[in-house]
Amino acid sequence: MVHSDAQALAAWRLAAEPYYQPSGDELVRFQAATAQRLPVLVKGPTGCGKTRFVEHMAWRLGRPLVTVACHEDLSAGDLVGRWLLDADGTRWQDGPLTLAARHGAICYLDELVEARADATVVIHPLTDTRRMLPLAQRDELVPAHPEFQLVVSYNPSPMARELKSSTRQRFCALEFGYPTPEREAGIVARESGLDIDRSAAIVAFGVRTRRLQGQGLDEGASTRMLVHAALLVQQGLYPAAACAMAVADVLSDESGVRQALHAALDASF
């Protein structure tokens, strides 16, 4: 059985350590939840490092990581599996949630609120003391493997759907925000290979965009966007042009907001 589990999850194992710079005790808290087999909700703005954190913890714990990018058409069947018809007849194919629960992986549902309601409800039996997954389509009850853990992410922005209380209260939560400017500059430099001074200048512009949140802008620049800008600088663009391409011209199409973003850009460079 161990050999079967290893084979089933081989494609989901991380080959190298994903870089992650802790900002507090989030590693310890995640490990505590893992030790007690508790599901975890990671929440925070877009591009602040939630997914990278989950990847790092999977590598740190030696667990395969089955990741699902949730979207409005994602159904319960997409998560648990379905019957398929091939030359030999019908056969059952486990979905990513069933695969992780059956064989013992971390299942990461990225932006769970974007999924259909039936996809959200299907996780409930895995997030309480039952730790089981009913497969009604094949009349099977899958007990969760001891090393299975469910992790979901959520961006609680004003424009996002609300995560229902009946789902929210099943999780322990880790809240993420943007790093301090000094720490964020180090992350941008590490991820892009750009020198720390120019990375700090890019981050300073990113901080200015975040001050515009709520003034016509839903969210400011993410750390991910700032890394993209740094990579463009590495390719030979001037920092102002790189930040315009990777950040300012991406965040909004509304003329007033774009003017404010470009004014922040001029002030930064």
C-alpha atoms as a PDB file:
ATOM      1  CA  MET A   1       0.000   0.000   0.000  1.00  0.00           C
ATOM      2  CA  VAL A   2       2.842   2.415   0.777  1.00  0.00           C
ATOM      3  CA  HIS A   3       4.314   1.700  -2.628  1.00  0.00           C
ATOM      4  CA  SER A   4       0.909   2.360  -4.226  1.00  0.00           C
ATOM      5  CA  ASP A   5       0.581   5.692  -2.394  1.00  0.00           C
ATOM      6  CA  ALA A   6       4.065   6.734  -3.481  1.00  0.00           C
ATOM      7  CA  GLN A   7       3.315   5.897  -7.109  1.00  0.00           C
ATOM      8  CA  ALA A   8      -0.050   7.669  -7.103  1.00  0.00           C
ATOM      9  CA  LEU A   9       1.469  10.896  -5.771  1.00  0.00           C
ATOM     10  CA  ALA A  10       4.863  10.835  -7.503  1.00  0.00           C
ATOM     11  CA  ALA A  11       3.933  13.606  -9.936  1.00  0.00           C
ATOM     12  CA  TRP A  12       2.861  15.890  -7.084  1.00  0.00           C
ATOM     13  CA  ARG A  13       6.130  15.876  -5.131  1.00  0.00           C
ATOM     14  CA  LEU A  14       8.227  19.039  -5.159  1.00  0.00           C
ATOM     15  CA  ALA A  15      11.684  18.487  -6.577  1.00  0.00           C
ATOM     16  CA  ALA A  16      13.348  21.480  -4.895  1.00  0.00           C
ATOM     17  CA  GLU A  17      12.759  23.767  -1.935  1.00  0.00           C
ATOM     18  CA  PRO A  18      10.531  26.730  -2.849  1.00  0.00           C
ATOM     19  CA  TYR A  19      12.043  29.937  -1.475  1.00  0.00           C
ATOM     20  CA  TYR A  20       9.973  31.529   1.288  1.00  0.00           C
ATOM     21  CA  GLN A  21      10.963  34.281   3.720  1.00  0.00           C
ATOM     22  CA  PRO A  22       8.979  33.986   6.993  1.00  0.00           C
ATOM     23  CA  SER A  23       7.517  37.175   8.428  1.00  0.00           C
ATOM     24  CA  GLY A  24       6.588  35.744  11.816  1.00  0.00           C
ATOM     25  CA  ASP A  25       5.792  32.378  13.371  1.00  0.00           C
ATOM     26  CA  GLU A  26       3.603  31.135  10.515  1.00  0.00           C
ATOM     27  CA  LEU A  27       5.796  28.050   9.930  1.00  0.00           C
ATOM     28  CA  VAL A  28       5.399  26.923  13.544  1.00  0.00           C
ATOM     29  CA  ARG A  29       1.657  27.546  13.531  1.00  0.00           C
ATOM     30  CA  PHE A  30       1.144  25.618  10.300  1.00  0.00           C
ATOM     31  CA  GLN A  31       3.168  22.702  11.658  1.00  0.00           C
ATOM     32  CA  ALA A  32       1.032  22.684  14.817  1.00  0.00           C
ATOM     33  CA  ALA A  33      -2.128  22.424  12.707  1.00  0.00           C
ATOM     34  CA  THR A  34      -0.546  19.649  10.635  1.00  0.00           C
ATOM     35  CA  ALA A  35       0.371  17.673  13.759  1.00  0.00           C
ATOM     36  CA  GLN A  36      -3.291  17.733  14.835  1.00  0.00           C
ATOM     37  CA  ARG A  37      -4.597  17.076  11.287  1.00  0.00           C
ATOM     38  CA  LEU A  38      -6.465  20.365  11.219  1.00  0.00           C
ATOM     39  CA  PRO A  39      -7.453  22.079   7.966  1.00  0.00           C
ATOM     40  CA  VAL A  40      -5.896  25.487   7.362  1.00  0.00           C
ATOM     41  CA  LEU A  41      -7.260  28.631   5.711  1.00  0.00           C
ATOM     42  CA  VAL A  42      -4.590  31.022   4.440  1.00  0.00           C
ATOM     43  CA  LYS A  43      -5.997  34.449   3.686  1.00  0.00           C
ATOM     44  CA  GLY A  44      -4.551  37.678   2.383  1.00  0.00           C
ATOM     45  CA  PRO A  45      -4.294  39.914  -0.675  1.00  0.00           C
ATOM     46  CA  THR A  46      -3.395  38.684  -4.138  1.00  0.00           C
ATOM     47  CA  GLY A  47       0.268  37.908  -4.701  1.00  0.00           C
ATOM     48  CA  CYS A  48       1.408  38.308  -1.081  1.00  0.00           C
ATOM     49  CA  GLY A  49       2.985  34.831  -0.866  1.00  0.00           C
ATOM     50  CA  LYS A  50       0.151  32.523   0.213  1.00  0.00           C
ATOM     51  CA  THR A  51       0.761  29.893  -2.469  1.00  0.00           C
ATOM     52  CA  ARG A  52       4.533  30.044  -2.059  1.00  0.00           C
ATOM     53  CA  PHE A  53       4.085  29.521   1.692  1.00  0.00           C
ATOM     54  CA  VAL A  54       1.965  26.400   1.122  1.00  0.00           C
ATOM     55  CA  GLU A  55       4.505  25.056  -1.373  1.00  0.00           C
ATOM     56  CA  HIS A  56       7.316  25.681   1.105  1.00  0.00           C
ATOM     57  CA  MET A  57       5.455  23.909   3.904  1.00  0.00           C
ATOM     58  CA  ALA A  58       4.718  20.890   1.694  1.00  0.00           C
ATOM     59  CA  TRP A  59       8.412  20.625   0.894  1.00  0.00           C
ATOM     60  CA  ARG A  60       9.366  21.190   4.534  1.00  0.00           C
ATOM     61  CA  LEU A  61       6.994  18.445   5.710  1.00  0.00           C
ATOM     62  CA  GLY A  62       7.959  16.053   2.917  1.00  0.00           C
ATOM     63  CA  ARG A  63       4.371  15.872   1.639  1.00  0.00           C
ATOM     64  CA  PRO A  64       3.139  15.806  -1.956  1.00  0.00           C
ATOM     65  CA  LEU A  65       1.134  18.910  -2.831  1.00  0.00           C
ATOM     66  CA  VAL A  66      -1.995  18.526  -4.972  1.00  0.00           C
ATOM     67  CA  THR A  67      -3.003  22.020  -6.090  1.00  0.00           C
ATOM     68  CA  VAL A  68      -6.332  23.060  -7.598  1.00  0.00           C
ATOM     69  CA  ALA A  69      -6.896  26.576  -8.962  1.00  0.00           C
ATOM     70  CA  CYS A  70     -10.568  27.155  -8.186  1.00  0.00           C
ATOM     71  CA  HIS A  71     -12.836  28.957 -10.663  1.00  0.00           C
ATOM     72  CA  GLU A  72     -16.538  29.615 -11.151  1.00  0.00           C
ATOM     73  CA  ASP A  73     -17.090  26.444 -13.213  1.00  0.00           C
ATOM     74  CA  LEU A  74     -15.274  24.120 -10.781  1.00  0.00           C
ATOM     75  CA  SER A  75     -17.787  21.493  -9.624  1.00  0.00           C
ATOM     76  CA  ALA A  76     -17.795  18.803  -6.970  1.00  0.00           C
ATOM     77  CA  GLY A  77     -17.206  16.247  -9.714  1.00  0.00           C
ATOM     78  CA  ASP A  78     -14.044  18.045 -10.774  1.00  0.00           C
ATOM     79  CA  LEU A  79     -12.721  17.623  -7.229  1.00  0.00           C
ATOM     80  CA  VAL A  80     -13.839  14.107  -6.320  1.00  0.00           C
ATOM     81  CA  GLY A  81     -13.674  12.359  -9.713  1.00  0.00           C
ATOM     82  CA  ARG A  82     -15.955  10.783 -12.278  1.00  0.00           C
ATOM     83  CA  TRP A  83     -16.630   7.709 -14.381  1.00  0.00           C
ATOM     84  CA  LEU A  84     -14.848   7.675 -17.732  1.00  0.00           C
ATOM     85  CA  LEU A  85     -15.589   5.652 -20.832  1.00  0.00           C
ATOM     86  CA  ASP A  86     -12.677   4.132 -22.761  1.00  0.00           C
ATOM     87  CA  ALA A  87     -12.006   1.137 -25.020  1.00  0.00           C
ATOM     88  CA  ASP A  88     -12.253  -1.269 -22.082  1.00  0.00           C
ATOM     89  CA  GLY A  89     -15.538   0.097 -20.791  1.00  0.00           C
ATOM     90  CA  THR A  90     -16.149   2.428 -17.870  1.00  0.00           C
ATOM     91  CA  ARG A  91     -13.557   3.167 -15.207  1.00  0.00           C
ATOM     92  CA  TRP A  92     -13.448   5.489 -12.251  1.00  0.00           C
ATOM     93  CA  GLN A  93     -10.851   8.283 -12.113  1.00  0.00           C
ATOM     94  CA  ASP A  94     -10.146   9.965  -8.794  1.00  0.00           C
ATOM     95  CA  GLY A  95     -10.265  13.744  -8.799  1.00  0.00           C
ATOM     96  CA  PRO A  96      -7.489  15.748  -7.095  1.00  0.00           C
ATOM     97  CA  LEU A  97      -9.250  15.940  -3.730  1.00  0.00           C
ATOM     98  CA  THR A  98      -9.914  12.197  -3.666  1.00  0.00           C
ATOM     99  CA  LEU A  99      -6.362  11.452  -4.786  1.00  0.00           C
ATOM    100  CA  ALA A 100      -4.926  13.502  -1.925  1.00  0.00           C
ATOM    101  CA  ALA A 101      -7.331  12.101   0.665  1.00  0.00           C
ATOM    102  CA  ARG A 102      -6.873   8.493  -0.412  1.00  0.00           C
ATOM    103  CA  HIS A 103      -3.071   8.483  -0.639  1.00  0.00           C
ATOM    104  CA  GLY A 104      -1.954  11.143   1.847  1.00  0.00           C
ATOM    105  CA  ALA A 105      -1.054  14.534   0.363  1.00  0.00           C
ATOM    106  CA  ILE A 106      -1.697  18.165   1.119  1.00  0.00           C
ATOM    107  CA  CYS A 107      -4.592  19.301  -1.062  1.00  0.00           C
ATOM    108  CA  TYR A 108      -4.434  23.035  -1.721  1.00  0.00           C
ATOM    109  CA  LEU A 109      -7.603  24.658  -3.056  1.00  0.00           C
ATOM    110  CA  ASP A 110      -6.488  28.075  -4.255  1.00  0.00           C
ATOM    111  CA  GLU A 111      -9.192  30.777  -3.970  1.00  0.00           C
ATOM    112  CA  LEU A 112     -11.896  28.396  -2.779  1.00  0.00           C
ATOM    113  CA  VAL A 113     -14.632  31.059  -2.895  1.00  0.00           C
ATOM    114  CA  GLU A 114     -14.378  31.128  -6.687  1.00  0.00           C
ATOM    115  CA  ALA A 115     -15.655  27.520  -6.938  1.00  0.00           C
ATOM    116  CA  ARG A 116     -19.300  26.510  -7.266  1.00  0.00           C
ATOM    117  CA  ALA A 117     -21.285  25.968  -4.059  1.00  0.00           C
ATOM    118  CA  ASP A 118     -21.425  22.176  -4.498  1.00  0.00           C
ATOM    119  CA  ALA A 119     -17.620  22.079  -4.704  1.00  0.00           C
ATOM    120  CA  THR A 120     -17.360  23.946  -1.400  1.00  0.00           C
ATOM    121  CA  VAL A 121     -19.838  21.695   0.383  1.00  0.00           C
ATOM    122  CA  VAL A 122     -18.073  18.500  -0.711  1.00  0.00           C
ATOM    123  CA  ILE A 123     -15.051  19.323   1.474  1.00  0.00           C
ATOM    124  CA  HIS A 124     -17.069  19.518   4.696  1.00  0.00           C
ATOM    125  CA  PRO A 125     -16.811  15.838   5.738  1.00  0.00           C
ATOM    126  CA  LEU A 126     -13.019  16.107   5.393  1.00  0.00           C
ATOM    127  CA  THR A 127     -12.799  19.142   7.653  1.00  0.00           C
ATOM    128  CA  ASP A 128     -14.365  17.782  10.831  1.00  0.00           C
ATOM    129  CA  THR A 129     -13.818  14.753  13.044  1.00  0.00           C
ATOM    130  CA  ARG A 130     -15.135  12.396  10.365  1.00  0.00           C
ATOM    131  CA  ARG A 131     -12.177  13.013   8.024  1.00  0.00           C
ATOM    132  CA  MET A 132     -13.837  11.120   5.224  1.00  0.00           C
ATOM    133  CA  LEU A 133     -14.928  11.756   1.660  1.00  0.00           C
ATOM    134  CA  PRO A 134     -18.207  10.234   0.414  1.00  0.00           C
ATOM    135  CA  LEU A 135     -18.148   9.237  -3.255  1.00  0.00           C
ATOM    136  CA  ALA A 136     -21.844   8.870  -4.007  1.00  0.00           C
ATOM    137  CA  GLN A 137     -21.154   8.152  -7.683  1.00  0.00           C
ATOM    138  CA  ARG A 138     -19.467   4.868  -6.838  1.00  0.00           C
ATOM    139  CA  ASP A 139     -21.032   4.163  -3.429  1.00  0.00           C
ATOM    140  CA  GLU A 140     -17.700   4.471  -1.622  1.00  0.00           C
ATOM    141  CA  LEU A 141     -16.619   6.179   1.580  1.00  0.00           C
ATOM    142  CA  VAL A 142     -12.958   7.194   1.453  1.00  0.00           C
ATOM    143  CA  PRO A 143     -11.342   7.596   4.897  1.00  0.00           C
ATOM    144  CA  ALA A 144      -8.696  10.305   4.818  1.00  0.00           C
ATOM    145  CA  HIS A 145      -5.123   9.051   4.905  1.00  0.00           C
ATOM    146  CA  PRO A 146      -3.319   9.993   8.169  1.00  0.00           C
ATOM    147  CA  GLU A 147      -1.040  12.361   6.209  1.00  0.00           C
ATOM    148  CA  PHE A 148      -3.855  14.090   4.318  1.00  0.00           C
ATOM    149  CA  GLN A 149      -4.310  17.784   5.026  1.00  0.00           C
ATOM    150  CA  LEU A 150      -6.660  20.276   3.440  1.00  0.00           C
ATOM    151  CA  VAL A 151      -5.463  23.840   2.878  1.00  0.00           C
ATOM    152  CA  VAL A 152      -7.525  26.535   1.169  1.00  0.00           C
ATOM    153  CA  SER A 153      -6.740  30.141   0.300  1.00  0.00           C
ATOM    154  CA  TYR A 154      -9.007  33.154   0.311  1.00  0.00           C
ATOM    155  CA  ASN A 155      -8.564  36.793  -0.634  1.00  0.00           C
ATOM    156  CA  PRO A 156     -10.938  38.814   1.599  1.00  0.00           C
ATOM    157  CA  SER A 157     -11.004  41.893  -0.630  1.00  0.00           C
ATOM    158  CA  PRO A 158     -14.077  44.144  -0.894  1.00  0.00           C
ATOM    159  CA  MET A 159     -14.790  42.781  -4.383  1.00  0.00           C
ATOM    160  CA  ALA A 160     -14.450  39.088  -3.433  1.00  0.00           C
ATOM    161  CA  ARG A 161     -17.229  36.677  -2.597  1.00  0.00           C
ATOM    162  CA  GLU A 162     -17.722  36.034   1.097  1.00  0.00           C
ATOM    163  CA  LEU A 163     -16.623  32.679   2.477  1.00  0.00           C
ATOM    164  CA  LYS A 164     -19.661  31.171   4.205  1.00  0.00           C
ATOM    165  CA  SER A 165     -19.520  30.789   7.974  1.00  0.00           C
ATOM    166  CA  SER A 166     -20.435  27.087   7.716  1.00  0.00           C
ATOM    167  CA  THR A 167     -17.208  26.565   5.779  1.00  0.00           C
ATOM    168  CA  ARG A 168     -15.011  29.183   7.452  1.00  0.00           C
ATOM    169  CA  GLN A 169     -15.512  27.792  10.968  1.00  0.00           C
ATOM    170  CA  ARG A 170     -14.086  24.407   9.998  1.00  0.00           C
ATOM    171  CA  PHE A 171     -10.585  25.849   9.531  1.00  0.00           C
ATOM    172  CA  CYS A 172      -7.727  27.297  11.477  1.00  0.00           C
ATOM    173  CA  ALA A 173      -6.646  30.542   9.819  1.00  0.00           C
ATOM    174  CA  LEU A 174      -3.314  32.109   8.957  1.00  0.00           C
ATOM    175  CA  GLU A 175      -3.543  35.727   7.839  1.00  0.00           C
ATOM    176  CA  PHE A 176      -0.965  37.088   5.413  1.00  0.00           C
ATOM    177  CA  GLY A 177      -0.150  40.641   4.405  1.00  0.00           C
ATOM    178  CA  TYR A 178       2.560  42.292   2.402  1.00  0.00           C
ATOM    179  CA  PRO A 179       6.036  42.091   3.953  1.00  0.00           C
ATOM    180  CA  THR A 180       7.784  45.134   5.366  1.00  0.00           C
ATOM    181  CA  PRO A 181       9.502  47.160   2.602  1.00  0.00           C
ATOM    182  CA  GLU A 182      12.937  45.948   3.699  1.00  0.00           C
ATOM    183  CA  ARG A 183      11.875  42.326   3.717  1.00  0.00           C
ATOM    184  CA  GLU A 184       9.968  42.694   0.457  1.00  0.00           C
ATOM    185  CA  ALA A 185      13.000  44.260  -1.247  1.00  0.00           C
ATOM    186  CA  GLY A 186      15.022  41.227  -0.169  1.00  0.00           C
ATOM    187  CA  ILE A 187      12.394  38.898  -1.615  1.00  0.00           C
ATOM    188  CA  VAL A 188      12.285  40.789  -4.924  1.00  0.00           C
ATOM    189  CA  ALA A 189      16.090  40.733  -5.127  1.00  0.00           C
ATOM    190  CA  ARG A 190      16.224  37.014  -4.307  1.00  0.00           C
ATOM    191  CA  GLU A 191      13.515  36.051  -6.797  1.00  0.00           C
ATOM    192  CA  SER A 192      14.748  38.213  -9.682  1.00  0.00           C
ATOM    193  CA  GLY A 193      18.501  38.412  -9.174  1.00  0.00           C
ATOM    194  CA  LEU A 194      18.311  42.221  -9.278  1.00  0.00           C
ATOM    195  CA  ASP A 195      20.512  44.240  -6.908  1.00  0.00           C
ATOM    196  CA  ILE A 196      18.996  45.297  -3.591  1.00  0.00           C
ATOM    197  CA  ASP A 197      19.022  49.063  -4.305  1.00  0.00           C
ATOM    198  CA  ARG A 198      16.938  48.849  -7.467  1.00  0.00           C
ATOM    199  CA  SER A 199      14.743  46.197  -5.854  1.00  0.00           C
ATOM    200  CA  ALA A 200      14.084  48.606  -2.970  1.00  0.00           C
ATOM    201  CA  ALA A 201      13.120  51.355  -5.424  1.00  0.00           C
ATOM    202  CA  ILE A 202      10.642  49.038  -7.139  1.00  0.00           C
ATOM    203  CA  VAL A 203       9.165  48.073  -3.767  1.00  0.00           C
ATOM    204  CA  ALA A 204       8.836  51.747  -2.806  1.00  0.00           C
ATOM    205  CA  PHE A 205       6.700  52.259  -5.907  1.00  0.00           C
ATOM    206  CA  GLY A 206       4.647  49.188  -4.993  1.00  0.00           C
ATOM    207  CA  VAL A 207       3.975  50.633  -1.525  1.00  0.00           C
ATOM    208  CA  ARG A 208       2.724  53.871  -3.146  1.00  0.00           C
ATOM    209  CA  THR A 209       0.230  51.914  -5.273  1.00  0.00           C
ATOM    210  CA  ARG A 210      -1.151  50.199  -2.164  1.00  0.00           C
ATOM    211  CA  ARG A 211      -1.970  53.589  -0.676  1.00  0.00           C
ATOM    212  CA  LEU A 212      -4.400  54.061  -3.567  1.00  0.00           C
ATOM    213  CA  GLN A 213      -6.473  51.047  -2.506  1.00  0.00           C
ATOM    214  CA  GLY A 214     -10.031  52.171  -1.893  1.00  0.00           C
ATOM    215  CA  GLN A 215      -9.529  55.257  -4.082  1.00  0.00           C
ATOM    216  CA  GLY A 216     -10.625  53.614  -7.314  1.00  0.00           C
ATOM    217  CA  LEU A 217      -8.155  50.759  -6.975  1.00  0.00           C
ATOM    218  CA  ASP A 218      -9.267  47.395  -5.573  1.00  0.00           C
ATOM    219  CA  GLU A 219      -5.744  46.275  -4.688  1.00  0.00           C
ATOM    220  CA  GLY A 220      -2.265  47.708  -5.037  1.00  0.00           C
ATOM    221  CA  ALA A 221       0.760  45.999  -6.509  1.00  0.00           C
ATOM    222  CA  SER A 222       1.409  42.480  -5.321  1.00  0.00           C
ATOM    223  CA  THR A 223       4.861  41.185  -4.473  1.00  0.00           C
ATOM    224  CA  ARG A 224       4.515  38.966  -7.540  1.00  0.00           C
ATOM    225  CA  MET A 225       4.054  42.018  -9.777  1.00  0.00           C
ATOM    226  CA  LEU A 226       7.113  43.676  -8.267  1.00  0.00           C
ATOM    227  CA  VAL A 227       9.177  40.578  -9.013  1.00  0.00           C
ATOM    228  CA  HIS A 228       7.942  40.754 -12.613  1.00  0.00           C
ATOM    229  CA  ALA A 229       9.096  44.381 -12.804  1.00  0.00           C
ATOM    230  CA  ALA A 230      12.515  43.417 -11.432  1.00  0.00           C
ATOM    231  CA  LEU A 231      12.826  40.650 -14.016  1.00  0.00           C
ATOM    232  CA  LEU A 232      12.123  43.189 -16.776  1.00  0.00           C
ATOM    233  CA  VAL A 233      14.864  45.415 -15.373  1.00  0.00           C
ATOM    234  CA  GLN A 234      17.177  42.420 -15.473  1.00  0.00           C
ATOM    235  CA  GLN A 235      16.283  42.137 -19.135  1.00  0.00           C
ATOM    236  CA  GLY A 236      17.455  45.692 -19.776  1.00  0.00           C
ATOM    237  CA  LEU A 237      14.416  47.929 -19.229  1.00  0.00           C
ATOM    238  CA  TYR A 238      14.720  51.075 -17.144  1.00  0.00           C
ATOM    239  CA  PRO A 239      12.997  50.626 -13.729  1.00  0.00           C
ATOM    240  CA  ALA A 240      10.281  53.187 -14.537  1.00  0.00           C
ATOM    241  CA  ALA A 241       9.435  51.469 -17.833  1.00  0.00           C
ATOM    242  CA  ALA A 242       9.499  48.055 -16.165  1.00  0.00           C
ATOM    243  CA  CYS A 243       7.150  49.202 -13.386  1.00  0.00           C
ATOM    244  CA  ALA A 244       4.792  50.773 -15.917  1.00  0.00           C
ATOM    245  CA  MET A 245       4.646  47.539 -17.891  1.00  0.00           C
ATOM    246  CA  ALA A 246       4.441  45.103 -14.961  1.00  0.00           C
ATOM    247  CA  VAL A 247       2.396  47.181 -12.505  1.00  0.00           C
ATOM    248  CA  ALA A 248       0.876  50.555 -13.419  1.00  0.00           C
ATOM    249  CA  ASP A 249      -0.571  49.556 -16.783  1.00  0.00           C
ATOM    250  CA  VAL A 250      -1.887  46.289 -15.374  1.00  0.00           C
ATOM    251  CA  LEU A 251      -3.676  47.450 -12.233  1.00  0.00           C
ATOM    252  CA  SER A 252      -6.389  49.583 -13.841  1.00  0.00           C
ATOM    253  CA  ASP A 253      -7.837  50.813 -17.138  1.00  0.00           C
ATOM    254  CA  GLU A 254      -9.726  53.715 -15.528  1.00  0.00           C
ATOM    255  CA  SER A 255      -8.152  56.992 -16.631  1.00  0.00           C
ATOM    256  CA  GLY A 256      -8.168  58.719 -13.241  1.00  0.00           C
ATOM    257  CA  VAL A 257      -6.615  55.730 -11.491  1.00  0.00           C
ATOM    258  CA  ARG A 258      -4.020  55.351 -14.254  1.00  0.00           C
ATOM    259  CA  GLN A 259      -3.039  58.995 -13.827  1.00  0.00           C
ATOM    260  CA  ALA A 260      -2.607  58.465 -10.087  1.00  0.00           C
ATOM    261  CA  LEU A 261      -0.504  55.354 -10.715  1.00  0.00           C
ATOM    262  CA  HIS A 262       1.731  57.131 -13.189  1.00  0.00           C
ATOM    263  CA  ALA A 263       2.087  60.071 -10.785  1.00  0.00           C
ATOM    264  CA  ALA A 264       3.279  57.564  -8.175  1.00  0.00           C
ATOM    265  CA  LEU A 265       5.622  56.159 -10.787  1.00  0.00           C
ATOM    266  CA  ASP A 266       7.083  59.601 -11.521  1.00  0.00           C
ATOM    267  CA  ALA A 267       7.550  60.223  -7.796  1.00  0.00           C
ATOM    268  CA  SER A 268       9.370  56.920  -7.380  1.00  0.00           C
ATOM    269  CA  PHE A 269      11.789  57.254 -10.323  1.00  0.00           C
END
